[in-house]
Amino acid sequence: VIDNEQILQDCKKEGYKLITFQPLYAQKS
């Protein structure tokens, strides 16, 4: 909670999990 950049990275990781779109020809990132 004391690292804003880490919060953003953790948020993106969780976002990838929540995205239901499953690509075959690219990574979610």
mmCIF file of all heavy atoms, coordinates in Angstrom:
data_MODEL
# 
_entry.id   MODEL 
# 
loop_
_atom_site.group_PDB 
_atom_site.id 
_atom_site.type_symbol 
_atom_site.label_atom_id 
_atom_site.label_alt_id 
_atom_site.label_comp_id 
_atom_site.label_asym_id 
_atom_site.label_entity_id 
_atom_site.label_seq_id 
_atom_site.pdbx_PDB_ins_code 
_atom_site.Cartn_x 
_atom_site.Cartn_y 
_atom_site.Cartn_z 
_atom_site.occupancy 
_atom_site.B_iso_or_equiv 
_atom_site.pdbx_formal_charge 
_atom_site.auth_seq_id 
_atom_site.auth_comp_id 
_atom_site.auth_asym_id 
_atom_site.auth_atom_id 
_atom_site.pdbx_PDB_model_num 
ATOM 1   N N   . VAL A 1 1  ? 0.798   -1.223  0.000   1.00 0.00 ? 1  VAL A N   1 
ATOM 2   C CA  . VAL A 1 1  ? 0.000   0.000   0.000   1.00 0.00 ? 1  VAL A CA  1 
ATOM 3   C C   . VAL A 1 1  ? 0.831   1.272   0.000   1.00 0.00 ? 1  VAL A C   1 
ATOM 4   O O   . VAL A 1 1  ? 0.280   2.374   -0.124  1.00 0.00 ? 1  VAL A O   1 
ATOM 5   C CB  . VAL A 1 1  ? -0.949  0.020   1.228   1.00 0.00 ? 1  VAL A CB  1 
ATOM 6   C CG1 . VAL A 1 1  ? -2.002  -1.051  1.118   1.00 0.00 ? 1  VAL A CG1 1 
ATOM 7   C CG2 . VAL A 1 1  ? -0.159  -0.105  2.522   1.00 0.00 ? 1  VAL A CG2 1 
ATOM 8   N N   . ILE A 1 2  ? 2.145   1.170   0.144   1.00 0.00 ? 2  ILE A N   1 
ATOM 9   C CA  . ILE A 1 2  ? 2.969   2.384   0.195   1.00 0.00 ? 2  ILE A CA  1 
ATOM 10  C C   . ILE A 1 2  ? 3.823   2.552   -1.061  1.00 0.00 ? 2  ILE A C   1 
ATOM 11  O O   . ILE A 1 2  ? 4.779   3.313   -1.075  1.00 0.00 ? 2  ILE A O   1 
ATOM 12  C CB  . ILE A 1 2  ? 3.868   2.396   1.454   1.00 0.00 ? 2  ILE A CB  1 
ATOM 13  C CG1 . ILE A 1 2  ? 4.787   1.174   1.475   1.00 0.00 ? 2  ILE A CG1 1 
ATOM 14  C CG2 . ILE A 1 2  ? 3.035   2.469   2.714   1.00 0.00 ? 2  ILE A CG2 1 
ATOM 15  C CD1 . ILE A 1 2  ? 5.797   1.210   2.608   1.00 0.00 ? 2  ILE A CD1 1 
ATOM 16  N N   . ASP A 1 3  ? 3.472   1.838   -2.103  1.00 0.00 ? 3  ASP A N   1 
ATOM 17  C CA  . ASP A 1 3  ? 4.212   1.947   -3.365  1.00 0.00 ? 3  ASP A CA  1 
ATOM 18  C C   . ASP A 1 3  ? 3.189   2.109   -4.491  1.00 0.00 ? 3  ASP A C   1 
ATOM 19  O O   . ASP A 1 3  ? 2.557   1.145   -4.914  1.00 0.00 ? 3  ASP A O   1 
ATOM 20  C CB  . ASP A 1 3  ? 5.059   0.690   -3.587  1.00 0.00 ? 3  ASP A CB  1 
ATOM 21  C CG  . ASP A 1 3  ? 5.988   0.826   -4.789  1.00 0.00 ? 3  ASP A CG  1 
ATOM 22  O OD1 . ASP A 1 3  ? 5.627   1.555   -5.728  1.00 0.00 ? 3  ASP A OD1 1 
ATOM 23  O OD2 . ASP A 1 3  ? 7.053   0.184   -4.803  1.00 0.00 ? 3  ASP A OD2 1 
ATOM 24  N N   . ASN A 1 4  ? 3.031   3.339   -4.961  1.00 0.00 ? 4  ASN A N   1 
ATOM 25  C CA  . ASN A 1 4  ? 2.003   3.625   -5.971  1.00 0.00 ? 4  ASN A CA  1 
ATOM 26  C C   . ASN A 1 4  ? 2.215   2.840   -7.259  1.00 0.00 ? 4  ASN A C   1 
ATOM 27  O O   . ASN A 1 4  ? 1.257   2.366   -7.881  1.00 0.00 ? 4  ASN A O   1 
ATOM 28  C CB  . ASN A 1 4  ? 1.981   5.120   -6.288  1.00 0.00 ? 4  ASN A CB  1 
ATOM 29  C CG  . ASN A 1 4  ? 1.458   5.940   -5.124  1.00 0.00 ? 4  ASN A CG  1 
ATOM 30  O OD1 . ASN A 1 4  ? 0.763   5.422   -4.250  1.00 0.00 ? 4  ASN A OD1 1 
ATOM 31  N ND2 . ASN A 1 4  ? 1.795   7.221   -5.103  1.00 0.00 ? 4  ASN A ND2 1 
ATOM 32  N N   . GLU A 1 5  ? 3.481   2.697   -7.675  1.00 0.00 ? 5  GLU A N   1 
ATOM 33  C CA  . GLU A 1 5  ? 3.770   1.951   -8.895  1.00 0.00 ? 5  GLU A CA  1 
ATOM 34  C C   . GLU A 1 5  ? 3.401   0.479   -8.722  1.00 0.00 ? 5  GLU A C   1 
ATOM 35  O O   . GLU A 1 5  ? 2.855   -0.148  -9.625  1.00 0.00 ? 5  GLU A O   1 
ATOM 36  C CB  . GLU A 1 5  ? 5.250   2.090   -9.256  1.00 0.00 ? 5  GLU A CB  1 
ATOM 37  C CG  . GLU A 1 5  ? 5.644   1.382   -10.537 1.00 0.00 ? 5  GLU A CG  1 
ATOM 38  C CD  . GLU A 1 5  ? 4.900   1.873   -11.760 1.00 0.00 ? 5  GLU A CD  1 
ATOM 39  O OE1 . GLU A 1 5  ? 4.545   3.068   -11.804 1.00 0.00 ? 5  GLU A OE1 1 
ATOM 40  O OE2 . GLU A 1 5  ? 4.666   1.056   -12.673 1.00 0.00 ? 5  GLU A OE2 1 
ATOM 41  N N   . GLN A 1 6  ? 3.679   -0.070  -7.528  1.00 0.00 ? 6  GLN A N   1 
ATOM 42  C CA  . GLN A 1 6  ? 3.337   -1.467  -7.270  1.00 0.00 ? 6  GLN A CA  1 
ATOM 43  C C   . GLN A 1 6  ? 1.830   -1.663  -7.224  1.00 0.00 ? 6  GLN A C   1 
ATOM 44  O O   . GLN A 1 6  ? 1.308   -2.686  -7.667  1.00 0.00 ? 6  GLN A O   1 
ATOM 45  C CB  . GLN A 1 6  ? 3.963   -1.927  -5.954  1.00 0.00 ? 6  GLN A CB  1 
ATOM 46  C CG  . GLN A 1 6  ? 3.831   -3.431  -5.694  1.00 0.00 ? 6  GLN A CG  1 
ATOM 47  C CD  . GLN A 1 6  ? 4.496   -4.263  -6.761  1.00 0.00 ? 6  GLN A CD  1 
ATOM 48  O OE1 . GLN A 1 6  ? 5.657   -4.027  -7.087  1.00 0.00 ? 6  GLN A OE1 1 
ATOM 49  N NE2 . GLN A 1 6  ? 3.788   -5.239  -7.310  1.00 0.00 ? 6  GLN A NE2 1 
ATOM 50  N N   . ILE A 1 7  ? 1.119   -0.681  -6.678  1.00 0.00 ? 7  ILE A N   1 
ATOM 51  C CA  . ILE A 1 7  ? -0.349  -0.756  -6.652  1.00 0.00 ? 7  ILE A CA  1 
ATOM 52  C C   . ILE A 1 7  ? -0.887  -0.834  -8.077  1.00 0.00 ? 7  ILE A C   1 
ATOM 53  O O   . ILE A 1 7  ? -1.791  -1.629  -8.370  1.00 0.00 ? 7  ILE A O   1 
ATOM 54  C CB  . ILE A 1 7  ? -0.945  0.461   -5.915  1.00 0.00 ? 7  ILE A CB  1 
ATOM 55  C CG1 . ILE A 1 7  ? -0.640  0.368   -4.420  1.00 0.00 ? 7  ILE A CG1 1 
ATOM 56  C CG2 . ILE A 1 7  ? -2.460  0.535   -6.132  1.00 0.00 ? 7  ILE A CG2 1 
ATOM 57  C CD1 . ILE A 1 7  ? -1.048  1.591   -3.628  1.00 0.00 ? 7  ILE A CD1 1 
ATOM 58  N N   . LEU A 1 8  ? -0.333  -0.022  -8.968  1.00 0.00 ? 8  LEU A N   1 
ATOM 59  C CA  . LEU A 1 8  ? -0.766  -0.045  -10.370 1.00 0.00 ? 8  LEU A CA  1 
ATOM 60  C C   . LEU A 1 8  ? -0.486  -1.401  -10.993 1.00 0.00 ? 8  LEU A C   1 
ATOM 61  O O   . LEU A 1 8  ? -1.350  -1.961  -11.693 1.00 0.00 ? 8  LEU A O   1 
ATOM 62  C CB  . LEU A 1 8  ? -0.055  1.056   -11.149 1.00 0.00 ? 8  LEU A CB  1 
ATOM 63  C CG  . LEU A 1 8  ? -0.336  1.099   -12.666 1.00 0.00 ? 8  LEU A CG  1 
ATOM 64  C CD1 . LEU A 1 8  ? -1.815  1.310   -12.937 1.00 0.00 ? 8  LEU A CD1 1 
ATOM 65  C CD2 . LEU A 1 8  ? 0.495   2.190   -13.331 1.00 0.00 ? 8  LEU A CD2 1 
ATOM 66  N N   . GLN A 1 9  ? 0.698   -1.954  -10.754 1.00 0.00 ? 9  GLN A N   1 
ATOM 67  C CA  . GLN A 1 9  ? 1.050   -3.262  -11.320 1.00 0.00 ? 9  GLN A CA  1 
ATOM 68  C C   . GLN A 1 9  ? 0.144   -4.362  -10.767 1.00 0.00 ? 9  GLN A C   1 
ATOM 69  O O   . GLN A 1 9  ? -0.299  -5.247  -11.511 1.00 0.00 ? 9  GLN A O   1 
ATOM 70  C CB  . GLN A 1 9  ? 2.517   -3.589  -11.041 1.00 0.00 ? 9  GLN A CB  1 
ATOM 71  C CG  . GLN A 1 9  ? 3.521   -2.645  -11.690 1.00 0.00 ? 9  GLN A CG  1 
ATOM 72  C CD  . GLN A 1 9  ? 3.299   -2.499  -13.180 1.00 0.00 ? 9  GLN A CD  1 
ATOM 73  O OE1 . GLN A 1 9  ? 3.076   -3.477  -13.900 1.00 0.00 ? 9  GLN A OE1 1 
ATOM 74  N NE2 . GLN A 1 9  ? 3.343   -1.260  -13.667 1.00 0.00 ? 9  GLN A NE2 1 
ATOM 75  N N   . ASP A 1 10 ? -0.134  -4.318  -9.460  1.00 0.00 ? 10 ASP A N   1 
ATOM 76  C CA  . ASP A 1 10 ? -1.014  -5.322  -8.854  1.00 0.00 ? 10 ASP A CA  1 
ATOM 77  C C   . ASP A 1 10 ? -2.435  -5.192  -9.397  1.00 0.00 ? 10 ASP A C   1 
ATOM 78  O O   . ASP A 1 10 ? -3.131  -6.193  -9.604  1.00 0.00 ? 10 ASP A O   1 
ATOM 79  C CB  . ASP A 1 10 ? -1.032  -5.165  -7.328  1.00 0.00 ? 10 ASP A CB  1 
ATOM 80  C CG  . ASP A 1 10 ? 0.282   -5.570  -6.685  1.00 0.00 ? 10 ASP A CG  1 
ATOM 81  O OD1 . ASP A 1 10 ? 1.041   -6.331  -7.321  1.00 0.00 ? 10 ASP A OD1 1 
ATOM 82  O OD2 . ASP A 1 10 ? 0.553   -5.130  -5.555  1.00 0.00 ? 10 ASP A OD2 1 
ATOM 83  N N   . CYS A 1 11 ? -2.858  -3.951  -9.629  1.00 0.00 ? 11 CYS A N   1 
ATOM 84  C CA  . CYS A 1 11 ? -4.190  -3.714  -10.185 1.00 0.00 ? 11 CYS A CA  1 
ATOM 85  C C   . CYS A 1 11 ? -4.291  -4.319  -11.582 1.00 0.00 ? 11 CYS A C   1 
ATOM 86  O O   . CYS A 1 11 ? -5.291  -4.963  -11.925 1.00 0.00 ? 11 CYS A O   1 
ATOM 87  C CB  . CYS A 1 11 ? -4.470  -2.218  -10.224 1.00 0.00 ? 11 CYS A CB  1 
ATOM 88  S SG  . CYS A 1 11 ? -6.095  -1.787  -10.897 1.00 0.00 ? 11 CYS A SG  1 
ATOM 89  N N   . LYS A 1 12 ? -3.255  -4.126  -12.391 1.00 0.00 ? 12 LYS A N   1 
ATOM 90  C CA  . LYS A 1 12 ? -3.265  -4.680  -13.745 1.00 0.00 ? 12 LYS A CA  1 
ATOM 91  C C   . LYS A 1 12 ? -3.281  -6.207  -13.712 1.00 0.00 ? 12 LYS A C   1 
ATOM 92  O O   . LYS A 1 12 ? -3.998  -6.844  -14.487 1.00 0.00 ? 12 LYS A O   1 
ATOM 93  C CB  . LYS A 1 12 ? -2.061  -4.162  -14.521 1.00 0.00 ? 12 LYS A CB  1 
ATOM 94  C CG  . LYS A 1 12 ? -2.170  -2.687  -14.894 1.00 0.00 ? 12 LYS A CG  1 
ATOM 95  C CD  . LYS A 1 12 ? -0.874  -2.093  -15.394 1.00 0.00 ? 12 LYS A CD  1 
ATOM 96  C CE  . LYS A 1 12 ? -0.461  -2.634  -16.732 1.00 0.00 ? 12 LYS A CE  1 
ATOM 97  N NZ  . LYS A 1 12 ? 0.749   -1.956  -17.252 1.00 0.00 ? 12 LYS A NZ  1 
ATOM 98  N N   . LYS A 1 13 ? -2.509  -6.797  -12.813 1.00 0.00 ? 13 LYS A N   1 
ATOM 99  C CA  . LYS A 1 13 ? -2.505  -8.265  -12.691 1.00 0.00 ? 13 LYS A CA  1 
ATOM 100 C C   . LYS A 1 13 ? -3.900  -8.784  -12.363 1.00 0.00 ? 13 LYS A C   1 
ATOM 101 O O   . LYS A 1 13 ? -4.354  -9.779  -12.927 1.00 0.00 ? 13 LYS A O   1 
ATOM 102 C CB  . LYS A 1 13 ? -1.519  -8.697  -11.604 1.00 0.00 ? 13 LYS A CB  1 
ATOM 103 C CG  . LYS A 1 13 ? -0.061  -8.572  -11.987 1.00 0.00 ? 13 LYS A CG  1 
ATOM 104 C CD  . LYS A 1 13 ? 0.833   -9.027  -10.840 1.00 0.00 ? 13 LYS A CD  1 
ATOM 105 C CE  . LYS A 1 13 ? 2.304   -8.815  -11.180 1.00 0.00 ? 13 LYS A CE  1 
ATOM 106 N NZ  . LYS A 1 13 ? 3.193   -9.185  -10.042 1.00 0.00 ? 13 LYS A NZ  1 
ATOM 107 N N   . GLU A 1 14 ? -4.558  -8.120  -11.425 1.00 0.00 ? 14 GLU A N   1 
ATOM 108 C CA  . GLU A 1 14 ? -5.913  -8.535  -11.058 1.00 0.00 ? 14 GLU A CA  1 
ATOM 109 C C   . GLU A 1 14 ? -6.875  -8.299  -12.213 1.00 0.00 ? 14 GLU A C   1 
ATOM 110 O O   . GLU A 1 14 ? -7.779  -9.105  -12.468 1.00 0.00 ? 14 GLU A O   1 
ATOM 111 C CB  . GLU A 1 14 ? -6.380  -7.757  -9.821  1.00 0.00 ? 14 GLU A CB  1 
ATOM 112 C CG  . GLU A 1 14 ? -7.749  -8.161  -9.290  1.00 0.00 ? 14 GLU A CG  1 
ATOM 113 C CD  . GLU A 1 14 ? -7.778  -9.575  -8.732  1.00 0.00 ? 14 GLU A CD  1 
ATOM 114 O OE1 . GLU A 1 14 ? -6.689  -10.155 -8.483  1.00 0.00 ? 14 GLU A OE1 1 
ATOM 115 O OE2 . GLU A 1 14 ? -8.890  -10.102 -8.529  1.00 0.00 ? 14 GLU A OE2 1 
ATOM 116 N N   . GLY A 1 15 ? -6.655  -7.198  -12.942 1.00 0.00 ? 15 GLY A N   1 
ATOM 117 C CA  . GLY A 1 15 ? -7.503  -6.903  -14.093 1.00 0.00 ? 15 GLY A CA  1 
ATOM 118 C C   . GLY A 1 15 ? -7.422  -7.983  -15.149 1.00 0.00 ? 15 GLY A C   1 
ATOM 119 O O   . GLY A 1 15 ? -8.440  -8.381  -15.732 1.00 0.00 ? 15 GLY A O   1 
ATOM 120 N N   . TYR A 1 16 ? -6.202  -8.494  -15.410 1.00 0.00 ? 16 TYR A N   1 
ATOM 121 C CA  . TYR A 1 16 ? -6.046  -9.566  -16.396 1.00 0.00 ? 16 TYR A CA  1 
ATOM 122 C C   . TYR A 1 16 ? -6.844  -10.805 -15.978 1.00 0.00 ? 16 TYR A C   1 
ATOM 123 O O   . TYR A 1 16 ? -7.417  -11.502 -16.818 1.00 0.00 ? 16 TYR A O   1 
ATOM 124 C CB  . TYR A 1 16 ? -4.574  -9.945  -16.557 1.00 0.00 ? 16 TYR A CB  1 
ATOM 125 C CG  . TYR A 1 16 ? -3.697  -8.839  -17.092 1.00 0.00 ? 16 TYR A CG  1 
ATOM 126 C CD1 . TYR A 1 16 ? -2.416  -8.620  -16.583 1.00 0.00 ? 16 TYR A CD1 1 
ATOM 127 C CD2 . TYR A 1 16 ? -4.144  -7.991  -18.103 1.00 0.00 ? 16 TYR A CD2 1 
ATOM 128 C CE1 . TYR A 1 16 ? -1.608  -7.591  -17.065 1.00 0.00 ? 16 TYR A CE1 1 
ATOM 129 C CE2 . TYR A 1 16 ? -3.348  -6.962  -18.591 1.00 0.00 ? 16 TYR A CE2 1 
ATOM 130 C CZ  . TYR A 1 16 ? -2.084  -6.765  -18.061 1.00 0.00 ? 16 TYR A CZ  1 
ATOM 131 O OH  . TYR A 1 16 ? -1.292  -5.762  -18.529 1.00 0.00 ? 16 TYR A OH  1 
ATOM 132 N N   . LYS A 1 17 ? -6.881  -11.067 -14.668 1.00 0.00 ? 17 LYS A N   1 
ATOM 133 C CA  . LYS A 1 17 ? -7.640  -12.225 -14.177 1.00 0.00 ? 17 LYS A CA  1 
ATOM 134 C C   . LYS A 1 17 ? -9.138  -12.028 -14.391 1.00 0.00 ? 17 LYS A C   1 
ATOM 135 O O   . LYS A 1 17 ? -9.862  -12.979 -14.687 1.00 0.00 ? 17 LYS A O   1 
ATOM 136 C CB  . LYS A 1 17 ? -7.357  -12.448 -12.686 1.00 0.00 ? 17 LYS A CB  1 
ATOM 137 C CG  . LYS A 1 17 ? -5.937  -12.858 -12.355 1.00 0.00 ? 17 LYS A CG  1 
ATOM 138 C CD  . LYS A 1 17 ? -5.768  -12.992 -10.848 1.00 0.00 ? 17 LYS A CD  1 
ATOM 139 C CE  . LYS A 1 17 ? -4.316  -13.270 -10.476 1.00 0.00 ? 17 LYS A CE  1 
ATOM 140 N NZ  . LYS A 1 17 ? -4.144  -13.312 -8.988  1.00 0.00 ? 17 LYS A NZ  1 
ATOM 141 N N   . LEU A 1 18 ? -9.591  -10.797 -14.218 1.00 0.00 ? 18 LEU A N   1 
ATOM 142 C CA  . LEU A 1 18 ? -11.029 -10.521 -14.314 1.00 0.00 ? 18 LEU A CA  1 
ATOM 143 C C   . LEU A 1 18 ? -11.514 -10.445 -15.764 1.00 0.00 ? 18 LEU A C   1 
ATOM 144 O O   . LEU A 1 18 ? -12.702 -10.633 -16.019 1.00 0.00 ? 18 LEU A O   1 
ATOM 145 C CB  . LEU A 1 18 ? -11.345 -9.199  -13.604 1.00 0.00 ? 18 LEU A CB  1 
ATOM 146 C CG  . LEU A 1 18 ? -11.133 -9.177  -12.089 1.00 0.00 ? 18 LEU A CG  1 
ATOM 147 C CD1 . LEU A 1 18 ? -11.327 -7.764  -11.547 1.00 0.00 ? 18 LEU A CD1 1 
ATOM 148 C CD2 . LEU A 1 18 ? -12.066 -10.152 -11.388 1.00 0.00 ? 18 LEU A CD2 1 
ATOM 149 N N   . ILE A 1 19 ? -10.617 -10.175 -16.694 1.00 0.00 ? 19 ILE A N   1 
ATOM 150 C CA  . ILE A 1 19 ? -11.012 -10.079 -18.105 1.00 0.00 ? 19 ILE A CA  1 
ATOM 151 C C   . ILE A 1 19 ? -11.384 -11.471 -18.624 1.00 0.00 ? 19 ILE A C   1 
ATOM 152 O O   . ILE A 1 19 ? -10.584 -12.400 -18.578 1.00 0.00 ? 19 ILE A O   1 
ATOM 153 C CB  . ILE A 1 19 ? -9.862  -9.475  -18.942 1.00 0.00 ? 19 ILE A CB  1 
ATOM 154 C CG1 . ILE A 1 19 ? -9.690  -7.992  -18.609 1.00 0.00 ? 19 ILE A CG1 1 
ATOM 155 C CG2 . ILE A 1 19 ? -10.127 -9.645  -20.431 1.00 0.00 ? 19 ILE A CG2 1 
ATOM 156 C CD1 . ILE A 1 19 ? -8.466  -7.353  -19.222 1.00 0.00 ? 19 ILE A CD1 1 
ATOM 157 N N   . THR A 1 20 ? -12.582 -11.608 -19.102 1.00 0.00 ? 20 THR A N   1 
ATOM 158 C CA  . THR A 1 20 ? -13.066 -12.916 -19.561 1.00 0.00 ? 20 THR A CA  1 
ATOM 159 C C   . THR A 1 20 ? -12.646 -13.237 -20.990 1.00 0.00 ? 20 THR A C   1 
ATOM 160 O O   . THR A 1 20 ? -12.746 -14.380 -21.421 1.00 0.00 ? 20 THR A O   1 
ATOM 161 C CB  . THR A 1 20 ? -14.603 -12.963 -19.470 1.00 0.00 ? 20 THR A CB  1 
ATOM 162 O OG1 . THR A 1 20 ? -15.163 -11.887 -20.239 1.00 0.00 ? 20 THR A OG1 1 
ATOM 163 C CG2 . THR A 1 20 ? -15.053 -12.823 -18.020 1.00 0.00 ? 20 THR A CG2 1 
ATOM 164 N N   . PHE A 1 21 ? -12.197 -12.236 -21.722 1.00 0.00 ? 21 PHE A N   1 
ATOM 165 C CA  . PHE A 1 21 ? -11.735 -12.430 -23.099 1.00 0.00 ? 21 PHE A CA  1 
ATOM 166 C C   . PHE A 1 21 ? -10.441 -13.244 -23.078 1.00 0.00 ? 21 PHE A C   1 
ATOM 167 O O   . PHE A 1 21 ? -9.448  -12.842 -22.476 1.00 0.00 ? 21 PHE A O   1 
ATOM 168 C CB  . PHE A 1 21 ? -11.486 -11.059 -23.740 1.00 0.00 ? 21 PHE A CB  1 
ATOM 169 C CG  . PHE A 1 21 ? -11.179 -11.107 -25.214 1.00 0.00 ? 21 PHE A CG  1 
ATOM 170 C CD1 . PHE A 1 21 ? -12.164 -10.888 -26.154 1.00 0.00 ? 21 PHE A CD1 1 
ATOM 171 C CD2 . PHE A 1 21 ? -9.885  -11.361 -25.662 1.00 0.00 ? 21 PHE A CD2 1 
ATOM 172 C CE1 . PHE A 1 21 ? -11.884 -10.911 -27.515 1.00 0.00 ? 21 PHE A CE1 1 
ATOM 173 C CE2 . PHE A 1 21 ? -9.590  -11.384 -27.006 1.00 0.00 ? 21 PHE A CE2 1 
ATOM 174 C CZ  . PHE A 1 21 ? -10.584 -11.164 -27.947 1.00 0.00 ? 21 PHE A CZ  1 
ATOM 175 N N   . GLN A 1 22 ? -10.438 -14.407 -23.740 1.00 0.00 ? 22 GLN A N   1 
ATOM 176 C CA  . GLN A 1 22 ? -9.272  -15.290 -23.740 1.00 0.00 ? 22 GLN A CA  1 
ATOM 177 C C   . GLN A 1 22 ? -8.605  -15.287 -25.113 1.00 0.00 ? 22 GLN A C   1 
ATOM 178 O O   . GLN A 1 22 ? -9.053  -15.974 -26.032 1.00 0.00 ? 22 GLN A O   1 
ATOM 179 C CB  . GLN A 1 22 ? -9.695  -16.722 -23.365 1.00 0.00 ? 22 GLN A CB  1 
ATOM 180 C CG  . GLN A 1 22 ? -10.290 -16.861 -21.978 1.00 0.00 ? 22 GLN A CG  1 
ATOM 181 C CD  . GLN A 1 22 ? -9.316  -16.477 -20.875 1.00 0.00 ? 22 GLN A CD  1 
ATOM 182 O OE1 . GLN A 1 22 ? -8.111  -16.650 -21.015 1.00 0.00 ? 22 GLN A OE1 1 
ATOM 183 N NE2 . GLN A 1 22 ? -9.841  -15.942 -19.777 1.00 0.00 ? 22 GLN A NE2 1 
ATOM 184 N N   . PRO A 1 23 ? -7.543  -14.523 -25.284 1.00 0.00 ? 23 PRO A N   1 
ATOM 185 C CA  . PRO A 1 23 ? -6.903  -14.431 -26.608 1.00 0.00 ? 23 PRO A CA  1 
ATOM 186 C C   . PRO A 1 23 ? -6.070  -15.660 -26.951 1.00 0.00 ? 23 PRO A C   1 
ATOM 187 O O   . PRO A 1 23 ? -5.527  -16.322 -26.058 1.00 0.00 ? 23 PRO A O   1 
ATOM 188 C CB  . PRO A 1 23 ? -6.009  -13.191 -26.472 1.00 0.00 ? 23 PRO A CB  1 
ATOM 189 C CG  . PRO A 1 23 ? -5.690  -13.114 -25.014 1.00 0.00 ? 23 PRO A CG  1 
ATOM 190 C CD  . PRO A 1 23 ? -6.894  -13.650 -24.296 1.00 0.00 ? 23 PRO A CD  1 
ATOM 191 N N   . LEU A 1 24 ? -5.978  -15.954 -28.237 1.00 0.00 ? 24 LEU A N   1 
ATOM 192 C CA  . LEU A 1 24 ? -5.144  -17.051 -28.737 1.00 0.00 ? 24 LEU A CA  1 
ATOM 193 C C   . LEU A 1 24 ? -3.905  -16.531 -29.452 1.00 0.00 ? 24 LEU A C   1 
ATOM 194 O O   . LEU A 1 24 ? -2.912  -17.246 -29.565 1.00 0.00 ? 24 LEU A O   1 
ATOM 195 C CB  . LEU A 1 24 ? -5.944  -17.923 -29.708 1.00 0.00 ? 24 LEU A CB  1 
ATOM 196 C CG  . LEU A 1 24 ? -7.124  -18.707 -29.140 1.00 0.00 ? 24 LEU A CG  1 
ATOM 197 C CD1 . LEU A 1 24 ? -7.834  -19.455 -30.269 1.00 0.00 ? 24 LEU A CD1 1 
ATOM 198 C CD2 . LEU A 1 24 ? -6.675  -19.680 -28.069 1.00 0.00 ? 24 LEU A CD2 1 
ATOM 199 N N   . TYR A 1 25 ? -3.963  -15.297 -29.934 1.00 0.00 ? 25 TYR A N   1 
ATOM 200 C CA  . TYR A 1 25 ? -2.884  -14.790 -30.783 1.00 0.00 ? 25 TYR A CA  1 
ATOM 201 C C   . TYR A 1 25 ? -2.192  -13.558 -30.183 1.00 0.00 ? 25 TYR A C   1 
ATOM 202 O O   . TYR A 1 25 ? -1.485  -12.831 -30.871 1.00 0.00 ? 25 TYR A O   1 
ATOM 203 C CB  . TYR A 1 25 ? -3.432  -14.451 -32.169 1.00 0.00 ? 25 TYR A CB  1 
ATOM 204 C CG  . TYR A 1 25 ? -4.395  -15.491 -32.687 1.00 0.00 ? 25 TYR A CG  1 
ATOM 205 C CD1 . TYR A 1 25 ? -5.754  -15.223 -32.789 1.00 0.00 ? 25 TYR A CD1 1 
ATOM 206 C CD2 . TYR A 1 25 ? -3.943  -16.768 -33.023 1.00 0.00 ? 25 TYR A CD2 1 
ATOM 207 C CE1 . TYR A 1 25 ? -6.645  -16.198 -33.230 1.00 0.00 ? 25 TYR A CE1 1 
ATOM 208 C CE2 . TYR A 1 25 ? -4.824  -17.733 -33.466 1.00 0.00 ? 25 TYR A CE2 1 
ATOM 209 C CZ  . TYR A 1 25 ? -6.180  -17.451 -33.568 1.00 0.00 ? 25 TYR A CZ  1 
ATOM 210 O OH  . TYR A 1 25 ? -7.049  -18.410 -34.001 1.00 0.00 ? 25 TYR A OH  1 
ATOM 211 N N   . ALA A 1 26 ? -2.400  -13.334 -28.909 1.00 0.00 ? 26 ALA A N   1 
ATOM 212 C CA  . ALA A 1 26 ? -1.739  -12.241 -28.184 1.00 0.00 ? 26 ALA A CA  1 
ATOM 213 C C   . ALA A 1 26 ? -1.850  -12.534 -26.701 1.00 0.00 ? 26 ALA A C   1 
ATOM 214 O O   . ALA A 1 26 ? -2.682  -13.355 -26.274 1.00 0.00 ? 26 ALA A O   1 
ATOM 215 C CB  . ALA A 1 26 ? -2.392  -10.905 -28.511 1.00 0.00 ? 26 ALA A CB  1 
ATOM 216 N N   . GLN A 1 27 ? -1.020  -11.900 -25.912 1.00 0.00 ? 27 GLN A N   1 
ATOM 217 C CA  . GLN A 1 27 ? -1.125  -11.994 -24.465 1.00 0.00 ? 27 GLN A CA  1 
ATOM 218 C C   . GLN A 1 27 ? -2.052  -10.898 -23.961 1.00 0.00 ? 27 GLN A C   1 
ATOM 219 O O   . GLN A 1 27 ? -2.160  -9.835  -24.558 1.00 0.00 ? 27 GLN A O   1 
ATOM 220 C CB  . GLN A 1 27 ? 0.257   -11.881 -23.820 1.00 0.00 ? 27 GLN A CB  1 
ATOM 221 C CG  . GLN A 1 27 ? 1.170   -13.057 -24.159 1.00 0.00 ? 27 GLN A CG  1 
ATOM 222 C CD  . GLN A 1 27 ? 2.539   -12.928 -23.522 1.00 0.00 ? 27 GLN A CD  1 
ATOM 223 O OE1 . GLN A 1 27 ? 3.189   -11.900 -23.646 1.00 0.00 ? 27 GLN A OE1 1 
ATOM 224 N NE2 . GLN A 1 27 ? 2.976   -13.975 -22.845 1.00 0.00 ? 27 GLN A NE2 1 
ATOM 225 N N   . LYS A 1 28 ? -2.704  -11.153 -22.843 1.00 0.00 ? 28 LYS A N   1 
ATOM 226 C CA  . LYS A 1 28 ? -3.628  -10.160 -22.301 1.00 0.00 ? 28 LYS A CA  1 
ATOM 227 C C   . LYS A 1 28 ? -2.922  -8.838  -22.034 1.00 0.00 ? 28 LYS A C   1 
ATOM 228 O O   . LYS A 1 28 ? -3.508  -7.774  -22.223 1.00 0.00 ? 28 LYS A O   1 
ATOM 229 C CB  . LYS A 1 28 ? -4.278  -10.682 -21.012 1.00 0.00 ? 28 LYS A CB  1 
ATOM 230 C CG  . LYS A 1 28 ? -5.403  -11.677 -21.247 1.00 0.00 ? 28 LYS A CG  1 
ATOM 231 C CD  . LYS A 1 28 ? -6.089  -12.026 -19.938 1.00 0.00 ? 28 LYS A CD  1 
ATOM 232 C CE  . LYS A 1 28 ? -7.269  -12.971 -20.180 1.00 0.00 ? 28 LYS A CE  1 
ATOM 233 N NZ  . LYS A 1 28 ? -7.964  -13.315 -18.917 1.00 0.00 ? 28 LYS A NZ  1 
ATOM 234 N N   . SER A 1 29 ? -1.683  -8.919  -21.590 1.00 0.00 ? 29 SER A N   1 
ATOM 235 C CA  . SER A 1 29 ? -0.950  -7.690  -21.291 1.00 0.00 ? 29 SER A CA  1 
ATOM 236 C C   . SER A 1 29 ? -0.776  -6.834  -22.546 1.00 0.00 ? 29 SER A C   1 
ATOM 237 O O   . SER A 1 29 ? -0.819  -5.605  -22.473 1.00 0.00 ? 29 SER A O   1 
ATOM 238 C CB  . SER A 1 29 ? 0.413   -8.016  -20.682 1.00 0.00 ? 29 SER A CB  1 
ATOM 239 O OG  . SER A 1 29 ? 1.165   -8.855  -21.560 1.00 0.00 ? 29 SER A OG  1 
# 
